[in-house]
Amino acid sequence: MFESKRMEISACVAVVVSVAVLFFVLEGAAAPPANPTEPVKFTEDGKLMKPDGYRKWVYVGTPLTPNDLNGGEAPFPEFHAVYIDPESFAHYEKTGKFRDGTVMIKELVGVGAKEATSGKGYFMGEFSGLEASIKDSKRFKDEPGNWAYFSFGHSYPLKKAAAKNAVASCNQCHQASAADDYVFTQFYPVLRASSPNAK
């Protein structure tokens, strides 16, 4: 009798343990990874590697300052197609703030035609360059606003990795003229419309 009771208890314990193990296995499978994939990668010496897949990120706007409207010598005569990584965009939608880790990519596209079936204007030509800005309070703790800026070149082939630009080349202009946290949100309608502070 005692032996039978002992076997019943052992069987119950085995079932409980099995259920617990199964629960933890399923729970672990459903949980997000501890270290989500970063939108960009760096080399061991701190250079930013040319990002991939950014054209699938959230597009926020395309400013253009053509030579024709700037005496023939615009400092940035290309279209600037700007993207933000999806996680940072989601955070911006909720808070109206750029999170630590925000990555913005600026893809340069030359002016192609100036006339199309729709009329006269400025129409995109070929890709001509790639730049990035990243907010990271740990990696760029000494940069104004914790933002760093990178250029992979203004002609193809692009560099495979880029060192951060000097503060004077980007940060100062962003600090002086950008509407929100070193970002030119005044020229990015998608960000303006997405902010919870939008009227």
N, C-alpha and C. Protein backbone atom coordinates (compact mmCIF):
# COMPACT_ATOMS: atom_id res chain seq x y z
N MET A 1 0.83 -1.20 0.00
CA MET A 1 0.00 0.00 0.00
C MET A 1 0.86 1.25 0.00
N PHE A 2 1.84 1.25 0.91
CA PHE A 2 2.74 2.40 0.96
C PHE A 2 3.51 2.57 -0.34
N GLU A 3 3.90 1.42 -0.91
CA GLU A 3 4.65 1.46 -2.16
C GLU A 3 3.79 2.05 -3.27
N SER A 4 2.52 1.70 -3.31
CA SER A 4 1.59 2.21 -4.32
C SER A 4 1.40 3.72 -4.16
N LYS A 5 1.27 4.14 -2.89
CA LYS A 5 1.09 5.58 -2.61
C LYS A 5 2.33 6.36 -3.03
N ARG A 6 3.51 5.79 -2.76
CA ARG A 6 4.77 6.44 -3.12
C ARG A 6 4.87 6.59 -4.63
N MET A 7 4.43 5.56 -5.37
CA MET A 7 4.49 5.62 -6.82
C MET A 7 3.53 6.69 -7.36
N GLU A 8 2.34 6.84 -6.71
CA GLU A 8 1.39 7.86 -7.13
C GLU A 8 1.97 9.26 -6.92
N ILE A 9 2.62 9.47 -5.77
CA ILE A 9 3.23 10.77 -5.46
C ILE A 9 4.35 11.09 -6.45
N SER A 10 5.17 10.08 -6.73
CA SER A 10 6.27 10.27 -7.69
C SER A 10 5.74 10.65 -9.06
N ALA A 11 4.65 9.99 -9.46
CA ALA A 11 4.05 10.28 -10.77
C ALA A 11 3.51 11.71 -10.81
N CYS A 12 2.88 12.13 -9.72
CA CYS A 12 2.35 13.50 -9.65
C CYS A 12 3.47 14.53 -9.71
N VAL A 13 4.54 14.27 -8.98
CA VAL A 13 5.69 15.17 -8.98
C VAL A 13 6.28 15.27 -10.38
N ALA A 14 6.39 14.13 -11.06
CA ALA A 14 6.94 14.11 -12.42
C ALA A 14 6.09 14.94 -13.36
N VAL A 15 4.75 14.83 -13.21
CA VAL A 15 3.84 15.61 -14.06
C VAL A 15 4.00 17.10 -13.80
N VAL A 16 4.07 17.47 -12.51
CA VAL A 16 4.22 18.88 -12.15
C VAL A 16 5.53 19.44 -12.70
N VAL A 17 6.61 18.69 -12.54
CA VAL A 17 7.92 19.12 -13.04
C VAL A 17 7.87 19.27 -14.55
N SER A 18 7.26 18.32 -15.24
CA SER A 18 7.17 18.37 -16.70
C SER A 18 6.41 19.60 -17.17
N VAL A 19 5.30 19.88 -16.49
CA VAL A 19 4.50 21.06 -16.85
C VAL A 19 5.30 22.33 -16.62
N ALA A 20 6.02 22.38 -15.48
CA ALA A 20 6.82 23.57 -15.18
C ALA A 20 7.91 23.78 -16.22
N VAL A 21 8.60 22.69 -16.60
CA VAL A 21 9.65 22.79 -17.61
C VAL A 21 9.07 23.26 -18.94
N LEU A 22 7.94 22.69 -19.32
CA LEU A 22 7.29 23.08 -20.57
C LEU A 22 6.91 24.55 -20.54
N PHE A 23 6.39 25.04 -19.40
CA PHE A 23 6.01 26.43 -19.26
C PHE A 23 7.21 27.36 -19.47
N PHE A 24 8.33 27.02 -18.82
CA PHE A 24 9.51 27.87 -18.95
C PHE A 24 10.09 27.85 -20.35
N VAL A 25 10.03 26.69 -21.00
CA VAL A 25 10.51 26.60 -22.39
C VAL A 25 9.68 27.47 -23.30
N LEU A 26 8.34 27.36 -23.15
CA LEU A 26 7.46 28.17 -23.99
C LEU A 26 7.58 29.65 -23.67
N GLU A 27 7.71 29.96 -22.41
CA GLU A 27 7.87 31.36 -21.99
C GLU A 27 9.14 31.94 -22.58
N GLY A 28 10.22 31.16 -22.55
CA GLY A 28 11.49 31.63 -23.12
C GLY A 28 11.40 31.82 -24.61
N ALA A 29 10.66 30.94 -25.29
CA ALA A 29 10.53 31.05 -26.74
C ALA A 29 9.73 32.28 -27.12
N ALA A 30 8.75 32.65 -26.27
CA ALA A 30 7.90 33.80 -26.59
C ALA A 30 8.54 35.12 -26.22
N ALA A 31 9.49 35.11 -25.30
CA ALA A 31 10.10 36.35 -24.84
C ALA A 31 11.01 36.93 -25.92
N PRO A 32 11.09 38.28 -26.00
CA PRO A 32 11.97 38.90 -26.98
C PRO A 32 13.42 38.63 -26.61
N PRO A 33 14.33 38.68 -27.57
CA PRO A 33 15.74 38.44 -27.27
C PRO A 33 16.28 39.47 -26.30
N ALA A 34 17.21 39.05 -25.46
CA ALA A 34 17.77 39.95 -24.45
C ALA A 34 18.50 41.12 -25.08
N ASN A 35 19.16 40.87 -26.20
CA ASN A 35 19.89 41.93 -26.89
C ASN A 35 19.35 42.06 -28.31
N PRO A 36 18.35 42.93 -28.52
CA PRO A 36 17.80 43.08 -29.86
C PRO A 36 18.87 43.56 -30.84
N THR A 37 18.70 43.25 -32.10
CA THR A 37 19.67 43.64 -33.11
C THR A 37 19.76 45.15 -33.21
N GLU A 38 20.96 45.68 -33.14
CA GLU A 38 21.16 47.11 -33.25
C GLU A 38 20.98 47.52 -34.72
N PRO A 39 20.45 48.73 -34.97
CA PRO A 39 20.25 49.16 -36.35
C PRO A 39 21.55 49.42 -37.11
N VAL A 40 22.63 49.69 -36.37
CA VAL A 40 23.94 49.92 -37.01
C VAL A 40 25.04 49.21 -36.22
N LYS A 41 26.20 49.07 -36.85
CA LYS A 41 27.33 48.41 -36.19
C LYS A 41 28.58 49.28 -36.32
N PHE A 42 29.47 49.09 -35.36
CA PHE A 42 30.72 49.84 -35.34
C PHE A 42 31.91 48.89 -35.44
N THR A 43 33.01 49.40 -35.97
CA THR A 43 34.25 48.63 -36.01
C THR A 43 34.89 48.72 -34.63
N GLU A 44 35.92 47.94 -34.40
CA GLU A 44 36.60 47.94 -33.10
C GLU A 44 37.22 49.30 -32.79
N ASP A 45 37.61 50.04 -33.82
CA ASP A 45 38.22 51.36 -33.57
C ASP A 45 37.19 52.49 -33.59
N GLY A 46 35.90 52.15 -33.52
CA GLY A 46 34.87 53.17 -33.35
C GLY A 46 34.28 53.75 -34.62
N LYS A 47 34.63 53.22 -35.78
CA LYS A 47 34.05 53.73 -37.02
C LYS A 47 32.67 53.10 -37.24
N LEU A 48 31.79 53.87 -37.83
CA LEU A 48 30.46 53.37 -38.15
C LEU A 48 30.51 52.61 -39.47
N MET A 49 30.01 51.39 -39.46
CA MET A 49 29.96 50.61 -40.69
C MET A 49 28.77 51.05 -41.53
N LYS A 50 28.94 51.03 -42.84
CA LYS A 50 27.86 51.46 -43.73
C LYS A 50 26.62 50.61 -43.46
N PRO A 51 25.52 51.26 -43.11
CA PRO A 51 24.32 50.50 -42.74
C PRO A 51 23.64 49.86 -43.95
N ASP A 52 22.91 48.81 -43.69
CA ASP A 52 22.11 48.14 -44.71
C ASP A 52 20.64 48.15 -44.30
N GLY A 53 19.77 48.09 -45.25
CA GLY A 53 18.35 47.94 -44.95
C GLY A 53 17.63 49.21 -44.52
N TYR A 54 18.31 50.35 -44.52
CA TYR A 54 17.68 51.58 -44.02
C TYR A 54 16.52 52.05 -44.90
N ARG A 55 16.49 51.63 -46.17
CA ARG A 55 15.37 52.04 -47.04
C ARG A 55 14.06 51.39 -46.61
N LYS A 56 14.13 50.43 -45.70
CA LYS A 56 12.93 49.82 -45.15
C LYS A 56 12.54 50.47 -43.81
N TRP A 57 13.33 51.46 -43.37
CA TRP A 57 13.01 52.18 -42.15
C TRP A 57 11.88 53.18 -42.44
N VAL A 58 11.60 54.04 -41.45
CA VAL A 58 10.54 55.02 -41.60
C VAL A 58 11.10 56.27 -42.29
N TYR A 59 10.51 56.59 -43.42
CA TYR A 59 10.92 57.78 -44.19
C TYR A 59 10.28 59.01 -43.56
N VAL A 60 11.07 60.09 -43.35
CA VAL A 60 10.52 61.27 -42.68
C VAL A 60 10.49 62.53 -43.54
N GLY A 61 11.25 62.58 -44.64
CA GLY A 61 11.21 63.77 -45.48
C GLY A 61 12.39 63.86 -46.42
N THR A 62 12.30 64.79 -47.38
CA THR A 62 13.38 64.98 -48.36
C THR A 62 13.60 66.46 -48.63
N PRO A 63 14.41 67.14 -47.83
CA PRO A 63 14.74 68.53 -48.12
C PRO A 63 15.59 68.63 -49.40
N LEU A 64 15.50 69.78 -50.06
CA LEU A 64 16.30 70.03 -51.26
C LEU A 64 16.67 71.51 -51.31
N THR A 65 17.95 71.78 -51.45
CA THR A 65 18.43 73.16 -51.63
C THR A 65 19.24 73.19 -52.93
N PRO A 66 18.58 73.33 -54.07
CA PRO A 66 19.26 73.22 -55.36
C PRO A 66 20.18 74.40 -55.67
N ASN A 67 21.16 74.13 -56.49
CA ASN A 67 22.08 75.20 -56.92
C ASN A 67 21.34 76.36 -57.55
N ASP A 68 20.28 76.07 -58.32
CA ASP A 68 19.55 77.12 -59.04
C ASP A 68 19.00 78.20 -58.12
N LEU A 69 18.69 77.83 -56.89
CA LEU A 69 18.11 78.79 -55.95
C LEU A 69 19.14 79.35 -54.97
N ASN A 70 20.41 78.99 -55.19
CA ASN A 70 21.47 79.41 -54.26
C ASN A 70 22.70 79.94 -54.99
N GLY A 71 22.46 80.71 -56.02
CA GLY A 71 23.57 81.35 -56.73
C GLY A 71 24.50 80.37 -57.40
N GLY A 72 24.02 79.16 -57.65
CA GLY A 72 24.85 78.16 -58.31
C GLY A 72 25.82 77.44 -57.40
N GLU A 73 25.82 77.75 -56.10
CA GLU A 73 26.78 77.14 -55.18
C GLU A 73 26.13 76.75 -53.87
N ALA A 74 25.12 75.93 -53.93
CA ALA A 74 24.48 75.45 -52.70
C ALA A 74 25.40 74.50 -51.97
N PRO A 75 25.53 74.62 -50.65
CA PRO A 75 26.41 73.70 -49.92
C PRO A 75 25.90 72.26 -49.94
N PHE A 76 24.58 72.10 -50.07
CA PHE A 76 23.97 70.76 -50.12
C PHE A 76 22.98 70.74 -51.28
N PRO A 77 23.45 70.59 -52.53
CA PRO A 77 22.56 70.73 -53.69
C PRO A 77 21.71 69.49 -54.00
N GLU A 78 21.89 68.41 -53.23
CA GLU A 78 21.18 67.17 -53.54
C GLU A 78 19.85 67.08 -52.78
N PHE A 79 19.02 66.15 -53.22
CA PHE A 79 17.88 65.73 -52.40
C PHE A 79 18.45 64.97 -51.21
N HIS A 80 17.86 65.18 -50.03
CA HIS A 80 18.28 64.45 -48.83
C HIS A 80 17.12 63.61 -48.33
N ALA A 81 17.07 62.36 -48.74
CA ALA A 81 16.01 61.45 -48.29
C ALA A 81 16.39 60.93 -46.90
N VAL A 82 15.58 61.23 -45.91
CA VAL A 82 15.94 60.97 -44.51
C VAL A 82 15.05 59.86 -43.93
N TYR A 83 15.71 58.92 -43.24
CA TYR A 83 15.03 57.78 -42.62
C TYR A 83 15.42 57.71 -41.14
N ILE A 84 14.51 57.17 -40.31
CA ILE A 84 14.79 56.93 -38.89
C ILE A 84 14.51 55.46 -38.60
N ASP A 85 15.31 54.87 -37.72
CA ASP A 85 15.11 53.45 -37.42
C ASP A 85 13.75 53.24 -36.77
N PRO A 86 13.08 52.13 -37.06
CA PRO A 86 11.70 51.90 -36.60
C PRO A 86 11.49 51.99 -35.10
N GLU A 87 12.43 51.47 -34.30
CA GLU A 87 12.26 51.51 -32.85
C GLU A 87 12.26 52.94 -32.34
N SER A 88 13.13 53.76 -32.89
CA SER A 88 13.20 55.16 -32.46
C SER A 88 11.97 55.93 -32.92
N PHE A 89 11.45 55.59 -34.10
CA PHE A 89 10.24 56.25 -34.57
C PHE A 89 9.06 55.92 -33.65
N ALA A 90 8.95 54.66 -33.26
CA ALA A 90 7.87 54.25 -32.35
C ALA A 90 7.97 55.00 -31.03
N HIS A 91 9.20 55.16 -30.54
CA HIS A 91 9.42 55.90 -29.30
C HIS A 91 9.02 57.37 -29.48
N TYR A 92 9.37 57.93 -30.62
CA TYR A 92 9.04 59.34 -30.89
C TYR A 92 7.52 59.53 -30.96
N GLU A 93 6.83 58.56 -31.55
CA GLU A 93 5.38 58.64 -31.62
C GLU A 93 4.74 58.70 -30.24
N LYS A 94 5.32 57.96 -29.29
CA LYS A 94 4.75 57.89 -27.94
C LYS A 94 5.14 59.09 -27.09
N THR A 95 6.38 59.55 -27.25
CA THR A 95 6.91 60.55 -26.32
C THR A 95 7.21 61.91 -26.92
N GLY A 96 7.37 61.98 -28.23
CA GLY A 96 7.80 63.23 -28.85
C GLY A 96 9.27 63.50 -28.61
N LYS A 97 10.02 62.47 -28.19
CA LYS A 97 11.45 62.61 -27.89
C LYS A 97 12.26 61.61 -28.70
N PHE A 98 13.51 61.98 -28.98
CA PHE A 98 14.42 61.06 -29.65
C PHE A 98 15.16 60.26 -28.58
N ARG A 99 14.96 58.95 -28.61
CA ARG A 99 15.52 58.08 -27.58
C ARG A 99 17.04 57.97 -27.72
N ASP A 100 17.67 57.55 -26.64
CA ASP A 100 19.08 57.22 -26.69
C ASP A 100 19.24 56.00 -27.60
N GLY A 101 20.02 56.13 -28.66
CA GLY A 101 20.15 55.05 -29.62
C GLY A 101 19.50 55.37 -30.96
N THR A 102 18.89 56.54 -31.06
CA THR A 102 18.25 56.94 -32.32
C THR A 102 19.28 57.00 -33.45
N VAL A 103 18.91 56.43 -34.60
CA VAL A 103 19.75 56.49 -35.79
C VAL A 103 18.94 57.12 -36.92
N MET A 104 19.51 58.13 -37.55
CA MET A 104 18.88 58.75 -38.71
C MET A 104 19.86 58.65 -39.88
N ILE A 105 19.34 58.24 -41.02
CA ILE A 105 20.15 58.08 -42.23
C ILE A 105 19.70 59.11 -43.25
N LYS A 106 20.68 59.75 -43.87
CA LYS A 106 20.39 60.72 -44.93
C LYS A 106 21.02 60.22 -46.22
N GLU A 107 20.17 59.86 -47.17
CA GLU A 107 20.67 59.36 -48.45
C GLU A 107 20.61 60.49 -49.47
N LEU A 108 21.75 60.81 -50.04
CA LEU A 108 21.84 61.91 -50.99
C LEU A 108 21.52 61.42 -52.39
N VAL A 109 20.68 62.21 -53.08
CA VAL A 109 20.28 61.88 -54.45
C VAL A 109 20.42 63.15 -55.28
N GLY A 110 21.16 63.06 -56.37
CA GLY A 110 21.38 64.23 -57.21
C GLY A 110 20.11 64.67 -57.93
N VAL A 111 20.08 65.95 -58.30
CA VAL A 111 18.98 66.44 -59.13
C VAL A 111 19.18 65.88 -60.53
N GLY A 112 18.15 65.23 -61.04
CA GLY A 112 18.22 64.67 -62.39
C GLY A 112 17.60 65.63 -63.38
N ALA A 113 16.41 65.31 -63.82
CA ALA A 113 15.70 66.16 -64.77
C ALA A 113 15.08 67.37 -64.07
N LYS A 114 14.85 68.42 -64.83
CA LYS A 114 14.17 69.60 -64.31
C LYS A 114 12.84 69.83 -65.03
N GLU A 115 12.47 68.83 -65.80
CA GLU A 115 11.19 68.90 -66.48
C GLU A 115 10.67 67.49 -66.68
N ALA A 116 9.37 67.32 -66.45
CA ALA A 116 8.73 66.02 -66.63
C ALA A 116 7.34 66.24 -67.21
N THR A 117 6.60 65.17 -67.44
CA THR A 117 5.26 65.31 -68.00
C THR A 117 4.35 66.15 -67.11
N SER A 118 4.68 66.18 -65.81
CA SER A 118 3.88 66.97 -64.86
C SER A 118 4.22 68.45 -64.88
N GLY A 119 5.33 68.81 -65.50
CA GLY A 119 5.74 70.19 -65.57
C GLY A 119 7.19 70.39 -65.18
N LYS A 120 7.59 71.63 -64.97
CA LYS A 120 8.96 71.94 -64.59
C LYS A 120 9.12 71.80 -63.08
N GLY A 121 10.29 71.35 -62.66
CA GLY A 121 10.56 71.17 -61.25
C GLY A 121 11.91 70.54 -61.05
N TYR A 122 12.09 69.89 -59.90
CA TYR A 122 13.33 69.18 -59.59
C TYR A 122 12.97 67.72 -59.36
N PHE A 123 13.59 66.85 -60.13
CA PHE A 123 13.28 65.43 -60.07
C PHE A 123 14.53 64.64 -59.73
N MET A 124 14.36 63.60 -58.93
CA MET A 124 15.49 62.83 -58.44
C MET A 124 16.24 62.15 -59.57
N GLY A 125 17.58 62.19 -59.44
CA GLY A 125 18.44 61.50 -60.39
C GLY A 125 19.03 60.24 -59.77
N GLU A 126 20.35 60.21 -59.65
CA GLU A 126 21.04 59.03 -59.14
C GLU A 126 21.47 59.23 -57.68
N PHE A 127 21.64 58.11 -56.96
CA PHE A 127 22.18 58.18 -55.60
C PHE A 127 23.59 58.75 -55.65
N SER A 128 23.88 59.66 -54.73
CA SER A 128 25.19 60.30 -54.78
C SER A 128 25.94 60.31 -53.45
N GLY A 129 25.34 59.85 -52.37
CA GLY A 129 26.06 59.86 -51.10
C GLY A 129 25.22 59.30 -49.96
N LEU A 130 25.85 59.18 -48.80
CA LEU A 130 25.16 58.62 -47.63
C LEU A 130 25.76 59.20 -46.36
N GLU A 131 24.90 59.61 -45.44
CA GLU A 131 25.34 60.16 -44.15
C GLU A 131 24.47 59.58 -43.05
N ALA A 132 24.94 59.72 -41.82
CA ALA A 132 24.19 59.20 -40.68
C ALA A 132 24.38 60.09 -39.46
N SER A 133 23.37 60.13 -38.61
CA SER A 133 23.50 60.79 -37.31
C SER A 133 22.97 59.83 -36.26
N ILE A 134 23.67 59.77 -35.12
CA ILE A 134 23.33 58.81 -34.07
C ILE A 134 23.37 59.51 -32.71
N LYS A 135 22.33 59.27 -31.92
CA LYS A 135 22.31 59.79 -30.55
C LYS A 135 22.66 58.64 -29.60
N ASP A 136 23.75 58.81 -28.87
CA ASP A 136 24.21 57.74 -27.97
C ASP A 136 24.96 58.37 -26.81
N SER A 137 24.34 58.41 -25.64
CA SER A 137 24.93 59.11 -24.49
C SER A 137 26.16 58.40 -23.92
N LYS A 138 26.34 57.12 -24.23
CA LYS A 138 27.51 56.40 -23.76
C LYS A 138 28.67 56.53 -24.75
N ARG A 139 28.38 56.23 -26.00
CA ARG A 139 29.43 56.25 -27.02
C ARG A 139 29.87 57.68 -27.35
N PHE A 140 28.91 58.63 -27.30
CA PHE A 140 29.21 60.01 -27.69
C PHE A 140 28.91 60.98 -26.55
N LYS A 141 29.34 60.63 -25.37
CA LYS A 141 29.03 61.43 -24.19
C LYS A 141 29.63 62.82 -24.24
N ASP A 142 30.69 63.02 -25.03
CA ASP A 142 31.35 64.32 -25.10
C ASP A 142 30.88 65.16 -26.29
N GLU A 143 29.98 64.60 -27.10
CA GLU A 143 29.47 65.35 -28.25
C GLU A 143 28.27 66.18 -27.82
N PRO A 144 28.10 67.38 -28.38
CA PRO A 144 26.92 68.19 -28.04
C PRO A 144 25.62 67.43 -28.28
N GLY A 145 24.79 67.36 -27.25
CA GLY A 145 23.53 66.65 -27.36
C GLY A 145 23.67 65.15 -27.47
N ASN A 146 24.91 64.64 -27.36
CA ASN A 146 25.22 63.21 -27.52
C ASN A 146 24.95 62.71 -28.94
N TRP A 147 24.93 63.64 -29.91
CA TRP A 147 24.76 63.28 -31.31
C TRP A 147 26.11 63.26 -32.02
N ALA A 148 26.32 62.27 -32.87
CA ALA A 148 27.52 62.21 -33.70
C ALA A 148 27.08 62.05 -35.15
N TYR A 149 27.91 62.55 -36.06
CA TYR A 149 27.56 62.58 -37.48
C TYR A 149 28.65 61.90 -38.31
N PHE A 150 28.21 61.19 -39.33
CA PHE A 150 29.12 60.39 -40.15
C PHE A 150 28.80 60.57 -41.62
N SER A 151 29.85 60.53 -42.46
CA SER A 151 29.66 60.61 -43.90
C SER A 151 30.40 59.46 -44.58
N PHE A 152 29.69 58.75 -45.43
CA PHE A 152 30.30 57.66 -46.20
C PHE A 152 30.72 58.12 -47.58
N GLY A 153 30.65 59.43 -47.80
CA GLY A 153 31.09 59.99 -49.07
C GLY A 153 29.95 60.58 -49.87
N HIS A 154 30.32 61.46 -50.82
CA HIS A 154 29.34 62.11 -51.68
C HIS A 154 29.50 61.66 -53.12
N SER A 155 30.09 60.49 -53.31
CA SER A 155 30.18 59.87 -54.63
C SER A 155 30.38 58.38 -54.42
N TYR A 156 29.98 57.61 -55.42
CA TYR A 156 30.10 56.15 -55.34
C TYR A 156 31.38 55.70 -55.99
N PRO A 157 32.00 54.63 -55.46
CA PRO A 157 31.55 53.77 -54.36
C PRO A 157 31.71 54.45 -53.01
N LEU A 158 30.81 54.14 -52.10
CA LEU A 158 30.85 54.71 -50.77
C LEU A 158 31.87 53.98 -49.90
N LYS A 159 32.32 54.67 -48.85
CA LYS A 159 33.22 54.04 -47.89
C LYS A 159 32.48 52.96 -47.12
N LYS A 160 33.18 51.91 -46.74
CA LYS A 160 32.57 50.81 -45.98
C LYS A 160 32.43 51.16 -44.51
N ALA A 161 33.24 52.10 -44.03
CA ALA A 161 33.17 52.54 -42.63
C ALA A 161 33.59 54.00 -42.56
N ALA A 162 33.03 54.73 -41.60
CA ALA A 162 33.31 56.16 -41.50
C ALA A 162 33.56 56.56 -40.06
N ALA A 163 34.57 57.41 -39.86
CA ALA A 163 34.83 57.98 -38.53
C ALA A 163 33.86 59.15 -38.34
N LYS A 164 33.58 59.50 -37.10
CA LYS A 164 32.64 60.60 -36.85
C LYS A 164 33.24 61.92 -37.29
N ASN A 165 32.38 62.80 -37.75
CA ASN A 165 32.82 64.11 -38.21
C ASN A 165 33.23 64.98 -37.03
N ALA A 166 34.03 65.99 -37.31
CA ALA A 166 34.41 66.96 -36.29
C ALA A 166 33.17 67.74 -35.86
N VAL A 167 33.14 68.18 -34.62
CA VAL A 167 31.99 68.91 -34.08
C VAL A 167 31.64 70.11 -34.95
N ALA A 168 32.64 70.84 -35.40
CA ALA A 168 32.39 72.06 -36.16
C ALA A 168 31.70 71.80 -37.49
N SER A 169 31.83 70.58 -38.02
CA SER A 169 31.28 70.31 -39.35
C SER A 169 29.77 70.06 -39.35
N CYS A 170 29.21 69.63 -38.23
CA CYS A 170 27.77 69.30 -38.19
C CYS A 170 27.08 69.78 -36.93
N ASN A 171 27.63 69.45 -35.77
CA ASN A 171 26.94 69.69 -34.50
C ASN A 171 26.54 71.15 -34.32
N GLN A 172 27.45 72.06 -34.67
CA GLN A 172 27.19 73.46 -34.41
C GLN A 172 25.98 73.97 -35.19
N CYS A 173 25.88 73.55 -36.44
CA CYS A 173 24.73 73.96 -37.27
C CYS A 173 23.44 73.36 -36.73
N HIS A 174 23.49 72.09 -36.36
CA HIS A 174 22.30 71.44 -35.82
C HIS A 174 21.88 72.09 -34.50
N GLN A 175 22.86 72.42 -33.67
CA GLN A 175 22.57 73.03 -32.39
C GLN A 175 21.92 74.41 -32.58
N ALA A 176 22.41 75.15 -33.57
CA ALA A 176 21.93 76.51 -33.78
C ALA A 176 20.59 76.58 -34.50
N SER A 177 20.33 75.64 -35.39
CA SER A 177 19.18 75.80 -36.29
C SER A 177 18.12 74.70 -36.25
N ALA A 178 18.46 73.52 -35.71
CA ALA A 178 17.49 72.43 -35.69
C ALA A 178 16.39 72.72 -34.67
N ALA A 179 15.16 72.35 -35.01
CA ALA A 179 14.01 72.71 -34.17
C ALA A 179 13.91 71.88 -32.91
N ASP A 180 14.38 70.63 -32.94
CA ASP A 180 14.13 69.75 -31.80
C ASP A 180 15.29 68.79 -31.58
N ASP A 181 16.01 68.98 -30.50
CA ASP A 181 17.07 68.05 -30.11
C ASP A 181 18.03 67.73 -31.26
N TYR A 182 18.56 68.79 -31.87
CA TYR A 182 19.55 68.66 -32.94
C TYR A 182 19.00 68.03 -34.23
N VAL A 183 17.68 67.90 -34.31
CA VAL A 183 17.05 67.31 -35.50
C VAL A 183 16.20 68.39 -36.18
N PHE A 184 16.32 68.50 -37.50
CA PHE A 184 15.59 69.51 -38.26
C PHE A 184 14.15 69.07 -38.49
N THR A 185 13.42 68.88 -37.40
CA THR A 185 12.04 68.41 -37.52
C THR A 185 11.16 69.40 -38.29
N GLN A 186 11.58 70.67 -38.35
CA GLN A 186 10.78 71.64 -39.09
C GLN A 186 10.71 71.32 -40.58
N PHE A 187 11.62 70.45 -41.05
CA PHE A 187 11.62 70.07 -42.46
C PHE A 187 11.20 68.62 -42.70
N TYR A 188 10.77 67.93 -41.61
CA TYR A 188 10.37 66.53 -41.72
C TYR A 188 8.90 66.38 -41.34
N PRO A 189 7.99 66.47 -42.31
CA PRO A 189 6.56 66.45 -41.99
C PRO A 189 6.09 65.17 -41.31
N VAL A 190 6.72 64.05 -41.61
CA VAL A 190 6.29 62.79 -40.98
C VAL A 190 6.54 62.84 -39.47
N LEU A 191 7.68 63.38 -39.06
CA LEU A 191 7.96 63.50 -37.63
C LEU A 191 7.02 64.51 -36.98
N ARG A 192 6.80 65.62 -37.63
CA ARG A 192 5.90 66.63 -37.05
C ARG A 192 4.50 66.06 -36.83
N ALA A 193 4.02 65.31 -37.82
CA ALA A 193 2.67 64.75 -37.71
C ALA A 193 2.59 63.61 -36.72
N SER A 194 3.72 62.94 -36.47
CA SER A 194 3.73 61.76 -35.60
C SER A 194 3.89 62.09 -34.14
N SER A 195 4.38 63.28 -33.84
CA SER A 195 4.62 63.64 -32.45
C SER A 195 3.32 63.75 -31.68
N PRO A 196 3.28 63.24 -30.44
CA PRO A 196 2.05 63.38 -29.63
C PRO A 196 1.77 64.84 -29.30
N ASN A 197 2.76 65.71 -29.52
CA ASN A 197 2.57 67.15 -29.26
C ASN A 197 1.99 67.88 -30.45
N ALA A 198 1.79 67.15 -31.58
CA ALA A 198 1.24 67.78 -32.79
C ALA A 198 -0.19 68.26 -32.53
N LYS A 199 -0.50 69.40 -33.06
CA LYS A 199 -1.85 69.96 -32.87
C LYS A 199 -2.77 69.48 -33.99
